Amino acid sequence: MSFRPCSRVACPDESAATLTFDYADSMAVLGPLSLRREPHSFDLCVRHARLTSAPQGWQMIRLSRATDDAAALGCAE
């Protein structure tokens, strides 16, 4: 996989997660980095993935492939 920078302005870090929005259900989904860059999603580095929150009134779903990914995204209990 080639280098994909974080979608946040001026962040030079490599992406580690993908954020998508489901507007109909007022839901944001943050999961492992998608295989391909999608036009309506945001690729985020570990730091920005951890700091990301859903808009007020929305639900945030955090998915991971493995325990290490979950810890990196701040999902571990």
PDB file of N, CA and C in Angstrom:
ATOM      1  N   MET A   1       0.851  -1.171   0.000  1.00  0.00           N
ATOM      2  CA  MET A   1       0.000   0.000   0.000  1.00  0.00           C
ATOM      3  C   MET A   1       0.897   1.235   0.000  1.00  0.00           C
ATOM      4  N   SER A   2       0.563   2.222  -0.795  1.00  0.00           N
ATOM      5  CA  SER A   2       1.369   3.428  -0.869  1.00  0.00           C
ATOM      6  C   SER A   2       1.002   4.391   0.261  1.00  0.00           C
ATOM      7  N   PHE A   3       1.863   5.361   0.505  1.00  0.00           N
ATOM      8  CA  PHE A   3       1.662   6.350   1.567  1.00  0.00           C
ATOM      9  C   PHE A   3       0.422   7.182   1.284  1.00  0.00           C
ATOM     10  N   ARG A   4      -0.464   7.240   2.272  1.00  0.00           N
ATOM     11  CA  ARG A   4      -1.655   8.094   2.189  1.00  0.00           C
ATOM     12  C   ARG A   4      -1.613   9.044   3.369  1.00  0.00           C
ATOM     13  N   PRO A   5      -1.459  10.335   3.111  1.00  0.00           N
ATOM     14  CA  PRO A   5      -1.364  11.286   4.219  1.00  0.00           C
ATOM     15  C   PRO A   5      -2.710  11.481   4.911  1.00  0.00           C
ATOM     16  N   CYS A   6      -2.644  11.938   6.134  1.00  0.00           N
ATOM     17  CA  CYS A   6      -3.833  12.281   6.910  1.00  0.00           C
ATOM     18  C   CYS A   6      -4.616  13.361   6.161  1.00  0.00           C
ATOM     19  N   SER A   7      -5.937  13.288   6.215  1.00  0.00           N
ATOM     20  CA  SER A   7      -6.802  14.254   5.530  1.00  0.00           C
ATOM     21  C   SER A   7      -6.852  15.610   6.223  1.00  0.00           C
ATOM     22  N   ARG A   8      -6.391  15.680   7.460  1.00  0.00           N
ATOM     23  CA  ARG A   8      -6.421  16.953   8.189  1.00  0.00           C
ATOM     24  C   ARG A   8      -5.397  17.912   7.597  1.00  0.00           C
ATOM     25  N   VAL A   9      -5.793  19.158   7.442  1.00  0.00           N
ATOM     26  CA  VAL A   9      -4.948  20.181   6.840  1.00  0.00           C
ATOM     27  C   VAL A   9      -3.628  20.299   7.599  1.00  0.00           C
ATOM     28  N   ALA A  10      -2.539  20.316   6.862  1.00  0.00           N
ATOM     29  CA  ALA A  10      -1.180  20.507   7.375  1.00  0.00           C
ATOM     30  C   ALA A  10      -0.662  19.353   8.229  1.00  0.00           C
ATOM     31  N   CYS A  11      -1.323  18.208   8.229  1.00  0.00           N
ATOM     32  CA  CYS A  11      -0.824  17.055   8.970  1.00  0.00           C
ATOM     33  C   CYS A  11      -0.048  16.168   7.996  1.00  0.00           C
ATOM     34  N   PRO A  12       1.254  15.995   8.232  1.00  0.00           N
ATOM     35  CA  PRO A  12       2.072  15.197   7.320  1.00  0.00           C
ATOM     36  C   PRO A  12       2.101  13.703   7.647  1.00  0.00           C
ATOM     37  N   ASP A  13       1.399  13.292   8.698  1.00  0.00           N
ATOM     38  CA  ASP A  13       1.470  11.899   9.154  1.00  0.00           C
ATOM     39  C   ASP A  13       0.706  10.955   8.227  1.00  0.00           C
ATOM     40  N   GLU A  14       1.108   9.689   8.276  1.00  0.00           N
ATOM     41  CA  GLU A  14       0.468   8.664   7.462  1.00  0.00           C
ATOM     42  C   GLU A  14      -0.879   8.261   8.052  1.00  0.00           C
ATOM     43  N   SER A  15      -1.834   7.992   7.197  1.00  0.00           N
ATOM     44  CA  SER A  15      -3.172   7.590   7.635  1.00  0.00           C
ATOM     45  C   SER A  15      -3.161   6.211   8.273  1.00  0.00           C
ATOM     46  N   ALA A  16      -4.021   6.036   9.280  1.00  0.00           N
ATOM     47  CA  ALA A  16      -4.136   4.752   9.969  1.00  0.00           C
ATOM     48  C   ALA A  16      -5.585   4.315  10.091  1.00  0.00           C
ATOM     49  N   ALA A  17      -6.523   5.217   9.805  1.00  0.00           N
ATOM     50  CA  ALA A  17      -7.945   4.917   9.969  1.00  0.00           C
ATOM     51  C   ALA A  17      -8.746   5.702   8.926  1.00  0.00           C
ATOM     52  N   THR A  18      -9.963   5.237   8.671  1.00  0.00           N
ATOM     53  CA  THR A  18     -10.849   5.917   7.730  1.00  0.00           C
ATOM     54  C   THR A  18     -12.138   6.295   8.445  1.00  0.00           C
ATOM     55  N   LEU A  19     -12.542   7.546   8.268  1.00  0.00           N
ATOM     56  CA  LEU A  19     -13.764   8.083   8.868  1.00  0.00           C
ATOM     57  C   LEU A  19     -14.794   8.297   7.771  1.00  0.00           C
ATOM     58  N   THR A  20     -15.997   7.758   7.979  1.00  0.00           N
ATOM     59  CA  THR A  20     -17.098   7.967   7.049  1.00  0.00           C
ATOM     60  C   THR A  20     -18.319   8.436   7.823  1.00  0.00           C
ATOM     61  N   PHE A  21     -19.223   9.083   7.124  1.00  0.00           N
ATOM     62  CA  PHE A  21     -20.440   9.605   7.745  1.00  0.00           C
ATOM     63  C   PHE A  21     -21.669   9.003   7.081  1.00  0.00           C
ATOM     64  N   ASP A  22     -22.652   8.654   7.894  1.00  0.00           N
ATOM     65  CA  ASP A  22     -23.959   8.216   7.404  1.00  0.00           C
ATOM     66  C   ASP A  22     -24.940   9.304   7.826  1.00  0.00           C
ATOM     67  N   TYR A  23     -25.202  10.217   6.916  1.00  0.00           N
ATOM     68  CA  TYR A  23     -26.024  11.383   7.240  1.00  0.00           C
ATOM     69  C   TYR A  23     -27.462  11.012   7.570  1.00  0.00           C
ATOM     70  N   ALA A  24     -28.005   9.993   6.914  1.00  0.00           N
ATOM     71  CA  ALA A  24     -29.390   9.591   7.158  1.00  0.00           C
ATOM     72  C   ALA A  24     -29.597   9.100   8.586  1.00  0.00           C
ATOM     73  N   ASP A  25     -28.581   8.434   9.144  1.00  0.00           N
ATOM     74  CA  ASP A  25     -28.677   7.884  10.501  1.00  0.00           C
ATOM     75  C   ASP A  25     -27.926   8.717  11.534  1.00  0.00           C
ATOM     76  N   SER A  26     -27.392   9.875  11.133  1.00  0.00           N
ATOM     77  CA  SER A  26     -26.604  10.732  12.043  1.00  0.00           C
ATOM     78  C   SER A  26     -25.539   9.908  12.760  1.00  0.00           C
ATOM     79  N   MET A  27     -24.709   9.239  11.952  1.00  0.00           N
ATOM     80  CA  MET A  27     -23.703   8.333  12.501  1.00  0.00           C
ATOM     81  C   MET A  27     -22.356   8.567  11.813  1.00  0.00           C
ATOM     82  N   ALA A  28     -21.295   8.580  12.618  1.00  0.00           N
ATOM     83  CA  ALA A  28     -19.932   8.632  12.096  1.00  0.00           C
ATOM     84  C   ALA A  28     -19.286   7.290  12.404  1.00  0.00           C
ATOM     85  N   VAL A  29     -18.568   6.728  11.440  1.00  0.00           N
ATOM     86  CA  VAL A  29     -17.926   5.429  11.617  1.00  0.00           C
ATOM     87  C   VAL A  29     -16.424   5.590  11.378  1.00  0.00           C
ATOM     88  N   LEU A  30     -15.650   5.224  12.379  1.00  0.00           N
ATOM     89  CA  LEU A  30     -14.194   5.288  12.305  1.00  0.00           C
ATOM     90  C   LEU A  30     -13.666   3.868  12.382  1.00  0.00           C
ATOM     91  N   GLY A  31     -12.984   3.443  11.343  1.00  0.00           N
ATOM     92  CA  GLY A  31     -12.489   2.075  11.309  1.00  0.00           C
ATOM     93  C   GLY A  31     -11.092   1.997  10.747  1.00  0.00           C
ATOM     94  N   PRO A  32     -10.604   0.797  10.539  1.00  0.00           N
ATOM     95  CA  PRO A  32      -9.264   0.608   9.962  1.00  0.00           C
ATOM     96  C   PRO A  32      -9.173   1.295   8.604  1.00  0.00           C
ATOM     97  N   LEU A  33      -7.987   1.611   8.199  1.00  0.00           N
ATOM     98  CA  LEU A  33      -7.754   2.284   6.925  1.00  0.00           C
ATOM     99  C   LEU A  33      -8.343   1.453   5.786  1.00  0.00           C
ATOM    100  N   SER A  34      -9.148   2.091   4.957  1.00  0.00           N
ATOM    101  CA  SER A  34      -9.749   1.391   3.822  1.00  0.00           C
ATOM    102  C   SER A  34      -8.668   1.002   2.816  1.00  0.00           C
ATOM    103  N   LEU A  35      -8.954   0.004   2.011  1.00  0.00           N
ATOM    104  CA  LEU A  35      -7.975  -0.471   1.034  1.00  0.00           C
ATOM    105  C   LEU A  35      -7.698   0.570  -0.040  1.00  0.00           C
ATOM    106  N   ARG A  36      -8.729   1.347  -0.391  1.00  0.00           N
ATOM    107  CA  ARG A  36      -8.595   2.406  -1.393  1.00  0.00           C
ATOM    108  C   ARG A  36      -9.090   3.714  -0.809  1.00  0.00           C
ATOM    109  N   ARG A  37      -8.538   4.794  -1.303  1.00  0.00           N
ATOM    110  CA  ARG A  37      -9.013   6.126  -0.907  1.00  0.00           C
ATOM    111  C   ARG A  37     -10.388   6.338  -1.540  1.00  0.00           C
ATOM    112  N   GLU A  38     -11.358   6.701  -0.727  1.00  0.00           N
ATOM    113  CA  GLU A  38     -12.725   6.925  -1.203  1.00  0.00           C
ATOM    114  C   GLU A  38     -13.010   8.426  -1.195  1.00  0.00           C
ATOM    115  N   PRO A  39     -13.737   8.932  -2.190  1.00  0.00           N
ATOM    116  CA  PRO A  39     -13.956  10.383  -2.291  1.00  0.00           C
ATOM    117  C   PRO A  39     -14.789  10.992  -1.159  1.00  0.00           C
ATOM    118  N   HIS A  40     -15.638  10.211  -0.508  1.00  0.00           N
ATOM    119  CA  HIS A  40     -16.518  10.768   0.527  1.00  0.00           C
ATOM    120  C   HIS A  40     -16.139  10.299   1.930  1.00  0.00           C
ATOM    121  N   SER A  41     -14.872   9.944   2.109  1.00  0.00           N
ATOM    122  CA  SER A  41     -14.397   9.538   3.424  1.00  0.00           C
ATOM    123  C   SER A  41     -13.114  10.309   3.738  1.00  0.00           C
ATOM    124  N   PHE A  42     -12.674  10.212   4.974  1.00  0.00           N
ATOM    125  CA  PHE A  42     -11.499  10.936   5.429  1.00  0.00           C
ATOM    126  C   PHE A  42     -10.511   9.945   6.026  1.00  0.00           C
ATOM    127  N   ASP A  43      -9.292   9.950   5.520  1.00  0.00           N
ATOM    128  CA  ASP A  43      -8.236   9.105   6.066  1.00  0.00           C
ATOM    129  C   ASP A  43      -7.522   9.904   7.148  1.00  0.00           C
ATOM    130  N   LEU A  44      -7.384   9.325   8.338  1.00  0.00           N
ATOM    131  CA  LEU A  44      -6.809  10.028   9.479  1.00  0.00           C
ATOM    132  C   LEU A  44      -5.616   9.296  10.056  1.00  0.00           C
ATOM    133  N   CYS A  45      -4.648  10.051  10.563  1.00  0.00           N
ATOM    134  CA  CYS A  45      -3.513   9.467  11.268  1.00  0.00           C
ATOM    135  C   CYS A  45      -3.984   8.983  12.642  1.00  0.00           C
ATOM    136  N   VAL A  46      -3.141   8.286  13.364  1.00  0.00           N
ATOM    137  CA  VAL A  46      -3.505   7.746  14.673  1.00  0.00           C
ATOM    138  C   VAL A  46      -3.943   8.859  15.623  1.00  0.00           C
ATOM    139  N   ARG A  47      -3.198   9.952  15.651  1.00  0.00           N
ATOM    140  CA  ARG A  47      -3.519  11.044  16.582  1.00  0.00           C
ATOM    141  C   ARG A  47      -4.879  11.666  16.263  1.00  0.00           C
ATOM    142  N   HIS A  48      -5.134  11.980  14.997  1.00  0.00           N
ATOM    143  CA  HIS A  48      -6.406  12.598  14.644  1.00  0.00           C
ATOM    144  C   HIS A  48      -7.572  11.612  14.787  1.00  0.00           C
ATOM    145  N   ALA A  49      -7.341  10.331  14.539  1.00  0.00           N
ATOM    146  CA  ALA A  49      -8.386   9.326  14.745  1.00  0.00           C
ATOM    147  C   ALA A  49      -8.772   9.261  16.219  1.00  0.00           C
ATOM    148  N   ARG A  50      -7.775   9.321  17.093  1.00  0.00           N
ATOM    149  CA  ARG A  50      -8.035   9.264  18.527  1.00  0.00           C
ATOM    150  C   ARG A  50      -8.798  10.504  19.008  1.00  0.00           C
ATOM    151  N   LEU A  51      -8.511  11.664  18.432  1.00  0.00           N
ATOM    152  CA  LEU A  51      -9.122  12.915  18.873  1.00  0.00           C
ATOM    153  C   LEU A  51     -10.463  13.226  18.204  1.00  0.00           C
ATOM    154  N   THR A  52     -10.824  12.467  17.194  1.00  0.00           N
ATOM    155  CA  THR A  52     -12.048  12.733  16.450  1.00  0.00           C
ATOM    156  C   THR A  52     -13.293  12.409  17.264  1.00  0.00           C
ATOM    157  N   SER A  53     -14.267  13.290  17.181  1.00  0.00           N
ATOM    158  CA  SER A  53     -15.559  13.048  17.825  1.00  0.00           C
ATOM    159  C   SER A  53     -16.662  13.330  16.811  1.00  0.00           C
ATOM    160  N   ALA A  54     -17.839  12.800  17.078  1.00  0.00           N
ATOM    161  CA  ALA A  54     -18.974  12.996  16.184  1.00  0.00           C
ATOM    162  C   ALA A  54     -19.631  14.343  16.478  1.00  0.00           C
ATOM    163  N   PRO A  55     -20.315  14.901  15.495  1.00  0.00           N
ATOM    164  CA  PRO A  55     -21.065  16.139  15.742  1.00  0.00           C
ATOM    165  C   PRO A  55     -22.106  15.923  16.849  1.00  0.00           C
ATOM    166  N   GLN A  56     -22.485  17.000  17.493  1.00  0.00           N
ATOM    167  CA  GLN A  56     -23.471  16.910  18.566  1.00  0.00           C
ATOM    168  C   GLN A  56     -24.753  16.263  18.050  1.00  0.00           C
ATOM    169  N   GLY A  57     -25.250  15.289  18.807  1.00  0.00           N
ATOM    170  CA  GLY A  57     -26.464  14.574  18.435  1.00  0.00           C
ATOM    171  C   GLY A  57     -26.220  13.364  17.541  1.00  0.00           C
ATOM    172  N   TRP A  58     -24.982  13.153  17.152  1.00  0.00           N
ATOM    173  CA  TRP A  58     -24.634  12.023  16.307  1.00  0.00           C
ATOM    174  C   TRP A  58     -24.039  10.906  17.140  1.00  0.00           C
ATOM    175  N   GLN A  59     -24.073   9.699  16.597  1.00  0.00           N
ATOM    176  CA  GLN A  59     -23.467   8.533  17.242  1.00  0.00           C
ATOM    177  C   GLN A  59     -22.119   8.256  16.579  1.00  0.00           C
ATOM    178  N   MET A  60     -21.097   7.926  17.391  1.00  0.00           N
ATOM    179  CA  MET A  60     -19.775   7.580  16.867  1.00  0.00           C
ATOM    180  C   MET A  60     -19.548   6.091  17.051  1.00  0.00           C
ATOM    181  N   ILE A  61     -19.279   5.392  15.969  1.00  0.00           N
ATOM    182  CA  ILE A  61     -18.973   3.968  15.993  1.00  0.00           C
ATOM    183  C   ILE A  61     -17.490   3.821  15.686  1.00  0.00           C
ATOM    184  N   ARG A  62     -16.766   3.112  16.542  1.00  0.00           N
ATOM    185  CA  ARG A  62     -15.333   2.868  16.323  1.00  0.00           C
ATOM    186  C   ARG A  62     -15.126   1.371  16.112  1.00  0.00           C
ATOM    187  N   LEU A  63     -14.578   1.016  14.951  1.00  0.00           N
ATOM    188  CA  LEU A  63     -14.329  -0.376  14.585  1.00  0.00           C
ATOM    189  C   LEU A  63     -12.835  -0.614  14.486  1.00  0.00           C
ATOM    190  N   SER A  64     -12.418  -1.859  14.702  1.00  0.00           N
ATOM    191  CA  SER A  64     -11.007  -2.197  14.509  1.00  0.00           C
ATOM    192  C   SER A  64     -10.874  -3.636  14.063  1.00  0.00           C
ATOM    193  N   ARG A  65      -9.747  -3.939  13.453  1.00  0.00           N
ATOM    194  CA  ARG A  65      -9.462  -5.306  13.003  1.00  0.00           C
ATOM    195  C   ARG A  65      -8.833  -6.134  14.100  1.00  0.00           C
ATOM    196  N   ALA A  66      -8.055  -5.487  14.952  1.00  0.00           N
ATOM    197  CA  ALA A  66      -7.321  -6.221  15.982  1.00  0.00           C
ATOM    198  C   ALA A  66      -7.183  -5.364  17.233  1.00  0.00           C
ATOM    199  N   THR A  67      -6.798  -5.980  18.314  1.00  0.00           N
ATOM    200  CA  THR A  67      -6.644  -5.282  19.574  1.00  0.00           C
ATOM    201  C   THR A  67      -5.646  -4.138  19.461  1.00  0.00           C
ATOM    202  N   ASP A  68      -4.549  -4.347  18.723  1.00  0.00           N
ATOM    203  CA  ASP A  68      -3.555  -3.288  18.555  1.00  0.00           C
ATOM    204  C   ASP A  68      -4.148  -2.088  17.835  1.00  0.00           C
ATOM    205  N   ASP A  69      -4.973  -2.323  16.801  1.00  0.00           N
ATOM    206  CA  ASP A  69      -5.623  -1.222  16.104  1.00  0.00           C
ATOM    207  C   ASP A  69      -6.552  -0.473  17.045  1.00  0.00           C
ATOM    208  N   ALA A  70      -7.284  -1.204  17.862  1.00  0.00           N
ATOM    209  CA  ALA A  70      -8.219  -0.580  18.792  1.00  0.00           C
ATOM    210  C   ALA A  70      -7.486   0.307  19.772  1.00  0.00           C
ATOM    211  N   ALA A  71      -6.377  -0.148  20.286  1.00  0.00           N
ATOM    212  CA  ALA A  71      -5.603   0.655  21.226  1.00  0.00           C
ATOM    213  C   ALA A  71      -5.081   1.910  20.549  1.00  0.00           C
ATOM    214  N   ALA A  72      -4.638   1.786  19.311  1.00  0.00           N
ATOM    215  CA  ALA A  72      -4.121   2.940  18.577  1.00  0.00           C
ATOM    216  C   ALA A  72      -5.212   3.973  18.328  1.00  0.00           C
ATOM    217  N   LEU A  73      -6.453   3.511  18.153  1.00  0.00           N
ATOM    218  CA  LEU A  73      -7.552   4.422  17.897  1.00  0.00           C
ATOM    219  C   LEU A  73      -8.254   4.885  19.173  1.00  0.00           C
ATOM    220  N   GLY A  74      -7.783   4.423  20.306  1.00  0.00           N
ATOM    221  CA  GLY A  74      -8.398   4.825  21.572  1.00  0.00           C
ATOM    222  C   GLY A  74      -9.679   4.072  21.870  1.00  0.00           C
ATOM    223  N   CYS A  75      -9.829   2.879  21.304  1.00  0.00           N
ATOM    224  CA  CYS A  75     -11.053   2.099  21.476  1.00  0.00           C
ATOM    225  C   CYS A  75     -10.932   1.070  22.582  1.00  0.00           C
ATOM    226  N   ALA A  76      -9.734   0.801  23.055  1.00  0.00           N
ATOM    227  CA  ALA A  76      -9.543  -0.259  24.048  1.00  0.00           C
ATOM    228  C   ALA A  76     -10.201   0.102  25.360  1.00  0.00           C
ATOM    229  N   GLU A  77     -10.741  -0.886  26.032  1.00  0.00           N
ATOM    230  CA  GLU A  77     -11.426  -0.642  27.306  1.00  0.00           C
ATOM    231  C   GLU A  77     -10.454  -0.711  28.444  1.00  0.00           C
TER     232      GLU A  77
END
